[in-house]
Each structure stands twice: as C-alpha cells, then as structure tokens.
Amino acid sequence: MNYYEIQKLYNGYKNYGIYNMYNCNNANLNSNIFMNEVPVNSEVGYIELYVTKNLGKEVATDAVLTIYVNRGDLDQVPVKRLITTQNPTLIELPIAHNLGNLIKVPEYYFTTYNLTIESEGYYKITTLNIRLFPKIKSLFFYNLNIISQGAPNRDEIINIPPHPRDELINGQYL
C-alpha cells in the first residue's frame, strides 16, 4: 500500500501515524497491515463510598463490597471484593475492564460496574451501571437498613440509566 492509498483510507484527516480516531483503523505503516482496533481507555477512575448504619450514626465496618462487570446479556463477573473498615472507602478501577461489556461514547470506550453491599442482619443494596470517568472520584452514600422480622424483603436496587448517546458494543443493557 502506497502513500496515496493510505491518504484515501484516512479520508483527508491528515493523520498518517499509528492511530486515527475518526475511523478506528490502526495502521502499521512498516508492514502495510491494517486492522480494526477498539480504542479502549487505559485510565482509571475511582468510587468513593460512605457506608453507614443506624441512619448515619455508625460506620459500617463489616460490610462486604463486591464490584461486578456485565459480560454478555445477563452474566455478571466479580472483579473486586473487599470489606469496609472505615469511611470513606476508595476503590480504583479501570475505565474499561477487559472482562466486561464495552460501551462506546465519542471520546472513548468504557465499562459500567455494578456494586453490591451486604452486611449480616441488614438488607442488601445493589447499584447497577456505575460509570467511571478518568481521574475522577464518584461519591456514593449508603445507609444499611436493619432486616425487620416478618416484613417483606426490602433489598434496595438502584439502576443508573445509560446516557442516550452511549452505544453498547457487546452485550445488552439489563
């Protein structure tokens, strides 16, 4: 492939380097091999959690936090599990996780995370579709509610809806 064929391929964007974000082609100009490659964001984002009991009067020092990614339609893969010992709890995660579904926005690809918080004697809290941003802390405040004997299950599920411009690459939103 010669210089002019490469110029046609890139449609006049004048980017003859390794990556052109407009058509997502990766060009190895030395071997004349072209391949499609997903521009996965390699940066990290943070989830900062404040988990309390008794309407904020006690710090939940024994709550089990589990972070999941969605793989495919309904499969969730745990990627991190820890026990809270203090407030706040800071969790660092990649913007795009290699085990999860990729979602495309104009700037980059990313993965949403699901979080469960469990503690013995308290209702479970689940947050779906947590989206992280590069080098930004996303703050979440949770209060664990005591299980009432004889009362119906009151597990909490919080679903953060996707942005309308997000395009799912592999899998489906739950």
C-alpha atoms as a PDB file:
ATOM      1  CA  MET A   1       0.000   0.000   0.000  1.00  0.00           C
ATOM      2  CA  ASN A   2       1.492   3.332  -1.005  1.00  0.00           C
ATOM      3  CA  TYR A   3       1.239   6.816   0.466  1.00  0.00           C
ATOM      4  CA  TYR A   4      -1.737   7.875  -1.699  1.00  0.00           C
ATOM      5  CA  GLU A   5      -3.760   4.766  -0.867  1.00  0.00           C
ATOM      6  CA  ILE A   6      -3.210   5.462   2.823  1.00  0.00           C
ATOM      7  CA  GLN A   7      -4.321   9.077   2.297  1.00  0.00           C
ATOM      8  CA  LYS A   8      -7.587   7.868   0.660  1.00  0.00           C
ATOM      9  CA  LEU A   9      -8.142   5.447   3.539  1.00  0.00           C
ATOM     10  CA  TYR A  10      -7.954   8.239   6.088  1.00  0.00           C
ATOM     11  CA  ASN A  11     -10.304  10.476   4.056  1.00  0.00           C
ATOM     12  CA  GLY A  12      -8.203  13.602   4.317  1.00  0.00           C
ATOM     13  CA  TYR A  13      -7.835  13.699   8.111  1.00  0.00           C
ATOM     14  CA  LYS A  14      -4.062  14.040   7.585  1.00  0.00           C
ATOM     15  CA  ASN A  15      -3.285  11.609  10.385  1.00  0.00           C
ATOM     16  CA  TYR A  16      -0.780   9.120   8.986  1.00  0.00           C
ATOM     17  CA  GLY A  17       0.504   7.948  12.339  1.00  0.00           C
ATOM     18  CA  ILE A  18      -0.399   4.817  14.219  1.00  0.00           C
ATOM     19  CA  TYR A  19      -3.985   5.675  15.178  1.00  0.00           C
ATOM     20  CA  ASN A  20      -6.799   7.634  13.568  1.00  0.00           C
ATOM     21  CA  MET A  21      -9.744   8.100  15.926  1.00  0.00           C
ATOM     22  CA  TYR A  22     -12.198   9.042  13.167  1.00  0.00           C
ATOM     23  CA  ASN A  23     -12.422   5.614  11.558  1.00  0.00           C
ATOM     24  CA  CYS A  24     -10.795   3.490  14.287  1.00  0.00           C
ATOM     25  CA  ASN A  25      -8.198   1.955  11.981  1.00  0.00           C
ATOM     26  CA  ASN A  26      -4.812   1.027  13.291  1.00  0.00           C
ATOM     27  CA  ALA A  27      -2.079   1.349  10.681  1.00  0.00           C
ATOM     28  CA  ASN A  28       1.286  -0.302  10.865  1.00  0.00           C
ATOM     29  CA  LEU A  29       2.973   1.598   8.064  1.00  0.00           C
ATOM     30  CA  ASN A  30       6.130  -0.531   8.128  1.00  0.00           C
ATOM     31  CA  SER A  31       4.401  -3.822   7.262  1.00  0.00           C
ATOM     32  CA  ASN A  32       1.412  -2.414   5.320  1.00  0.00           C
ATOM     33  CA  ILE A  33      -1.060  -4.248   7.617  1.00  0.00           C
ATOM     34  CA  PHE A  34      -4.321  -2.550   8.556  1.00  0.00           C
ATOM     35  CA  MET A  35      -6.654  -3.821  11.244  1.00  0.00           C
ATOM     36  CA  ASN A  36      -9.605  -2.570  13.253  1.00  0.00           C
ATOM     37  CA  GLU A  37      -8.826  -1.977  16.876  1.00  0.00           C
ATOM     38  CA  VAL A  38     -11.037  -0.738  19.710  1.00  0.00           C
ATOM     39  CA  PRO A  39      -9.582   2.387  21.373  1.00  0.00           C
ATOM     40  CA  VAL A  40     -10.079   1.188  24.957  1.00  0.00           C
ATOM     41  CA  ASN A  41      -9.394   3.794  27.612  1.00  0.00           C
ATOM     42  CA  SER A  42      -6.477   2.686  29.795  1.00  0.00           C
ATOM     43  CA  GLU A  43      -7.037   5.276  32.531  1.00  0.00           C
ATOM     44  CA  VAL A  44      -8.572   4.648  35.946  1.00  0.00           C
ATOM     45  CA  GLY A  45     -11.489   6.129  37.838  1.00  0.00           C
ATOM     46  CA  TYR A  46     -12.490   5.946  41.485  1.00  0.00           C
ATOM     47  CA  ILE A  47     -15.531   5.016  43.536  1.00  0.00           C
ATOM     48  CA  GLU A  48     -15.580   6.656  46.956  1.00  0.00           C
ATOM     49  CA  LEU A  49     -18.102   5.001  49.289  1.00  0.00           C
ATOM     50  CA  TYR A  50     -19.531   6.101  52.605  1.00  0.00           C
ATOM     51  CA  VAL A  51     -21.408   3.172  54.172  1.00  0.00           C
ATOM     52  CA  THR A  52     -23.250   3.714  57.458  1.00  0.00           C
ATOM     53  CA  LYS A  53     -25.772   2.006  59.716  1.00  0.00           C
ATOM     54  CA  ASN A  54     -28.408   3.450  62.018  1.00  0.00           C
ATOM     55  CA  LEU A  55     -29.196   6.402  59.735  1.00  0.00           C
ATOM     56  CA  GLY A  56     -25.593   7.570  59.662  1.00  0.00           C
ATOM     57  CA  LYS A  57     -24.858   7.201  63.377  1.00  0.00           C
ATOM     58  CA  GLU A  58     -22.458   4.224  62.905  1.00  0.00           C
ATOM     59  CA  VAL A  59     -19.817   3.444  60.318  1.00  0.00           C
ATOM     60  CA  ALA A  60     -20.458   0.045  58.718  1.00  0.00           C
ATOM     61  CA  THR A  61     -17.068  -1.545  59.405  1.00  0.00           C
ATOM     62  CA  ASP A  62     -18.120  -5.055  58.407  1.00  0.00           C
ATOM     63  CA  ALA A  63     -19.987  -4.538  55.123  1.00  0.00           C
ATOM     64  CA  VAL A  64     -18.875  -6.682  52.185  1.00  0.00           C
ATOM     65  CA  LEU A  65     -18.499  -4.719  48.939  1.00  0.00           C
ATOM     66  CA  THR A  66     -18.470  -6.620  45.653  1.00  0.00           C
ATOM     67  CA  ILE A  67     -17.831  -4.946  42.296  1.00  0.00           C
ATOM     68  CA  TYR A  68     -19.073  -6.705  39.140  1.00  0.00           C
ATOM     69  CA  VAL A  69     -18.901  -6.123  35.402  1.00  0.00           C
ATOM     70  CA  ASN A  70     -21.545  -7.353  32.956  1.00  0.00           C
ATOM     71  CA  ARG A  71     -20.386  -9.861  30.379  1.00  0.00           C
ATOM     72  CA  GLY A  72     -22.880 -10.580  27.640  1.00  0.00           C
ATOM     73  CA  ASP A  73     -26.578 -10.330  28.306  1.00  0.00           C
ATOM     74  CA  LEU A  74     -27.059 -11.481  31.902  1.00  0.00           C
ATOM     75  CA  ASP A  75     -23.709 -12.772  33.181  1.00  0.00           C
ATOM     76  CA  GLN A  76     -22.015 -10.769  35.956  1.00  0.00           C
ATOM     77  CA  VAL A  77     -18.320 -11.284  36.698  1.00  0.00           C
ATOM     78  CA  PRO A  78     -16.950 -10.201  40.105  1.00  0.00           C
ATOM     79  CA  VAL A  79     -13.790  -8.137  39.696  1.00  0.00           C
ATOM     80  CA  LYS A  80     -13.174  -6.882  43.248  1.00  0.00           C
ATOM     81  CA  ARG A  81     -14.360  -7.802  46.746  1.00  0.00           C
ATOM     82  CA  LEU A  82     -13.454  -6.052  49.986  1.00  0.00           C
ATOM     83  CA  ILE A  83     -14.713  -5.347  53.492  1.00  0.00           C
ATOM     84  CA  THR A  84     -15.260  -1.798  54.678  1.00  0.00           C
ATOM     85  CA  THR A  85     -13.107  -0.788  57.624  1.00  0.00           C
ATOM     86  CA  GLN A  86     -13.578   2.978  57.586  1.00  0.00           C
ATOM     87  CA  ASN A  87     -15.317   5.811  55.793  1.00  0.00           C
ATOM     88  CA  PRO A  88     -14.620   6.681  53.089  1.00  0.00           C
ATOM     89  CA  THR A  89     -13.638   3.532  51.197  1.00  0.00           C
ATOM     90  CA  LEU A  90     -11.815   4.365  47.967  1.00  0.00           C
ATOM     91  CA  ILE A  91     -11.836   1.841  45.104  1.00  0.00           C
ATOM     92  CA  GLU A  92      -9.712   2.282  41.977  1.00  0.00           C
ATOM     93  CA  LEU A  93     -10.968   0.625  38.779  1.00  0.00           C
ATOM     94  CA  PRO A  94     -10.079   0.809  35.092  1.00  0.00           C
ATOM     95  CA  ILE A  95     -12.427   2.899  32.934  1.00  0.00           C
ATOM     96  CA  ALA A  96     -12.742  -0.049  30.520  1.00  0.00           C
ATOM     97  CA  HIS A  97     -12.455  -3.516  32.077  1.00  0.00           C
ATOM     98  CA  ASN A  98     -11.271  -6.359  29.838  1.00  0.00           C
ATOM     99  CA  LEU A  99     -13.848  -8.779  31.334  1.00  0.00           C
ATOM    100  CA  GLY A 100     -16.872  -6.539  30.827  1.00  0.00           C
ATOM    101  CA  ASN A 101     -19.049  -5.193  28.034  1.00  0.00           C
ATOM    102  CA  LEU A 102     -17.645  -2.192  26.183  1.00  0.00           C
ATOM    103  CA  ILE A 103     -19.796   0.901  25.715  1.00  0.00           C
ATOM    104  CA  LYS A 104     -18.846   3.466  23.088  1.00  0.00           C
ATOM    105  CA  VAL A 105     -19.040   7.229  23.501  1.00  0.00           C
ATOM    106  CA  PRO A 106     -17.422   9.755  21.129  1.00  0.00           C
ATOM    107  CA  GLU A 107     -14.341  10.157  23.339  1.00  0.00           C
ATOM    108  CA  TYR A 108     -13.538   6.545  24.313  1.00  0.00           C
ATOM    109  CA  TYR A 109     -14.898   3.127  25.277  1.00  0.00           C
ATOM    110  CA  PHE A 110     -15.765   2.241  28.868  1.00  0.00           C
ATOM    111  CA  THR A 111     -17.345  -0.424  31.089  1.00  0.00           C
ATOM    112  CA  THR A 112     -20.084   0.103  33.660  1.00  0.00           C
ATOM    113  CA  TYR A 113     -19.793  -1.519  37.074  1.00  0.00           C
ATOM    114  CA  ASN A 114     -22.371  -2.979  39.453  1.00  0.00           C
ATOM    115  CA  LEU A 115     -21.902  -2.783  43.216  1.00  0.00           C
ATOM    116  CA  THR A 116     -23.453  -4.836  45.994  1.00  0.00           C
ATOM    117  CA  ILE A 117     -23.185  -4.027  49.694  1.00  0.00           C
ATOM    118  CA  GLU A 118     -24.037  -6.787  52.149  1.00  0.00           C
ATOM    119  CA  SER A 119     -23.845  -6.991  55.919  1.00  0.00           C
ATOM    120  CA  GLU A 120     -25.300  -9.631  58.238  1.00  0.00           C
ATOM    121  CA  GLY A 121     -28.664  -8.561  59.631  1.00  0.00           C
ATOM    122  CA  TYR A 122     -29.134  -5.784  57.036  1.00  0.00           C
ATOM    123  CA  TYR A 123     -30.866  -5.584  53.665  1.00  0.00           C
ATOM    124  CA  LYS A 124     -28.628  -5.844  50.618  1.00  0.00           C
ATOM    125  CA  ILE A 125     -28.014  -2.740  48.476  1.00  0.00           C
ATOM    126  CA  THR A 126     -27.273  -3.071  44.750  1.00  0.00           C
ATOM    127  CA  THR A 127     -26.285  -0.237  42.423  1.00  0.00           C
ATOM    128  CA  LEU A 128     -26.323  -1.002  38.685  1.00  0.00           C
ATOM    129  CA  ASN A 129     -24.461   0.722  35.836  1.00  0.00           C
ATOM    130  CA  ILE A 130     -21.921   2.813  37.739  1.00  0.00           C
ATOM    131  CA  ARG A 131     -19.945   4.753  35.170  1.00  0.00           C
ATOM    132  CA  LEU A 132     -16.456   5.969  35.966  1.00  0.00           C
ATOM    133  CA  PHE A 133     -14.621   8.898  34.440  1.00  0.00           C
ATOM    134  CA  PRO A 134     -10.834   9.240  34.025  1.00  0.00           C
ATOM    135  CA  LYS A 135      -9.136  10.516  37.197  1.00  0.00           C
ATOM    136  CA  ILE A 136     -12.492  11.438  38.802  1.00  0.00           C
ATOM    137  CA  LYS A 137     -13.938  10.202  42.108  1.00  0.00           C
ATOM    138  CA  SER A 138     -17.611   9.211  42.005  1.00  0.00           C
ATOM    139  CA  LEU A 139     -19.103   9.569  45.500  1.00  0.00           C
ATOM    140  CA  PHE A 140     -21.816   7.287  46.831  1.00  0.00           C
ATOM    141  CA  PHE A 141     -23.504   7.457  50.250  1.00  0.00           C
ATOM    142  CA  TYR A 142     -25.313   4.375  51.548  1.00  0.00           C
ATOM    143  CA  ASN A 143     -27.150   3.571  54.762  1.00  0.00           C
ATOM    144  CA  LEU A 144     -27.762  -0.094  55.623  1.00  0.00           C
ATOM    145  CA  ASN A 145     -31.272  -0.838  56.913  1.00  0.00           C
ATOM    146  CA  ILE A 146     -31.873  -3.486  59.583  1.00  0.00           C
ATOM    147  CA  ILE A 147     -33.880  -6.531  58.447  1.00  0.00           C
ATOM    148  CA  SER A 148     -37.325  -6.449  60.073  1.00  0.00           C
ATOM    149  CA  GLN A 149     -38.669  -9.872  61.051  1.00  0.00           C
ATOM    150  CA  GLY A 150     -41.911 -10.658  59.265  1.00  0.00           C
ATOM    151  CA  ALA A 151     -41.556  -7.754  56.838  1.00  0.00           C
ATOM    152  CA  PRO A 152     -41.231  -8.352  53.088  1.00  0.00           C
ATOM    153  CA  ASN A 153     -37.779  -8.279  51.507  1.00  0.00           C
ATOM    154  CA  ARG A 154     -36.628  -4.669  51.219  1.00  0.00           C
ATOM    155  CA  ASP A 155     -33.353  -5.110  49.351  1.00  0.00           C
ATOM    156  CA  GLU A 156     -32.548  -1.872  47.517  1.00  0.00           C
ATOM    157  CA  ILE A 157     -31.734  -1.802  43.809  1.00  0.00           C
ATOM    158  CA  ILE A 158     -30.560   1.482  42.303  1.00  0.00           C
ATOM    159  CA  ASN A 159     -30.329   1.489  38.496  1.00  0.00           C
ATOM    160  CA  ILE A 160     -28.400   4.356  36.919  1.00  0.00           C
ATOM    161  CA  PRO A 161     -29.757   4.694  33.358  1.00  0.00           C
ATOM    162  CA  PRO A 162     -27.326   4.935  30.428  1.00  0.00           C
ATOM    163  CA  HIS A 163     -26.799   8.205  28.595  1.00  0.00           C
ATOM    164  CA  PRO A 164     -28.766   8.331  25.292  1.00  0.00           C
ATOM    165  CA  ARG A 165     -25.573   8.680  23.225  1.00  0.00           C
ATOM    166  CA  ASP A 166     -23.957   5.538  24.698  1.00  0.00           C
ATOM    167  CA  GLU A 167     -23.678   2.672  22.230  1.00  0.00           C
ATOM    168  CA  LEU A 168     -23.270  -0.852  23.572  1.00  0.00           C
ATOM    169  CA  ILE A 169     -20.627  -2.795  21.619  1.00  0.00           C
ATOM    170  CA  ASN A 170     -21.013  -6.315  23.054  1.00  0.00           C
ATOM    171  CA  GLY A 171     -23.968  -7.391  25.201  1.00  0.00           C
ATOM    172  CA  GLN A 172     -27.125  -5.546  26.208  1.00  0.00           C
ATOM    173  CA  TYR A 173     -28.196  -3.229  28.992  1.00  0.00           C
ATOM    174  CA  LEU A 174     -30.046  -5.028  31.738  1.00  0.00           C
END
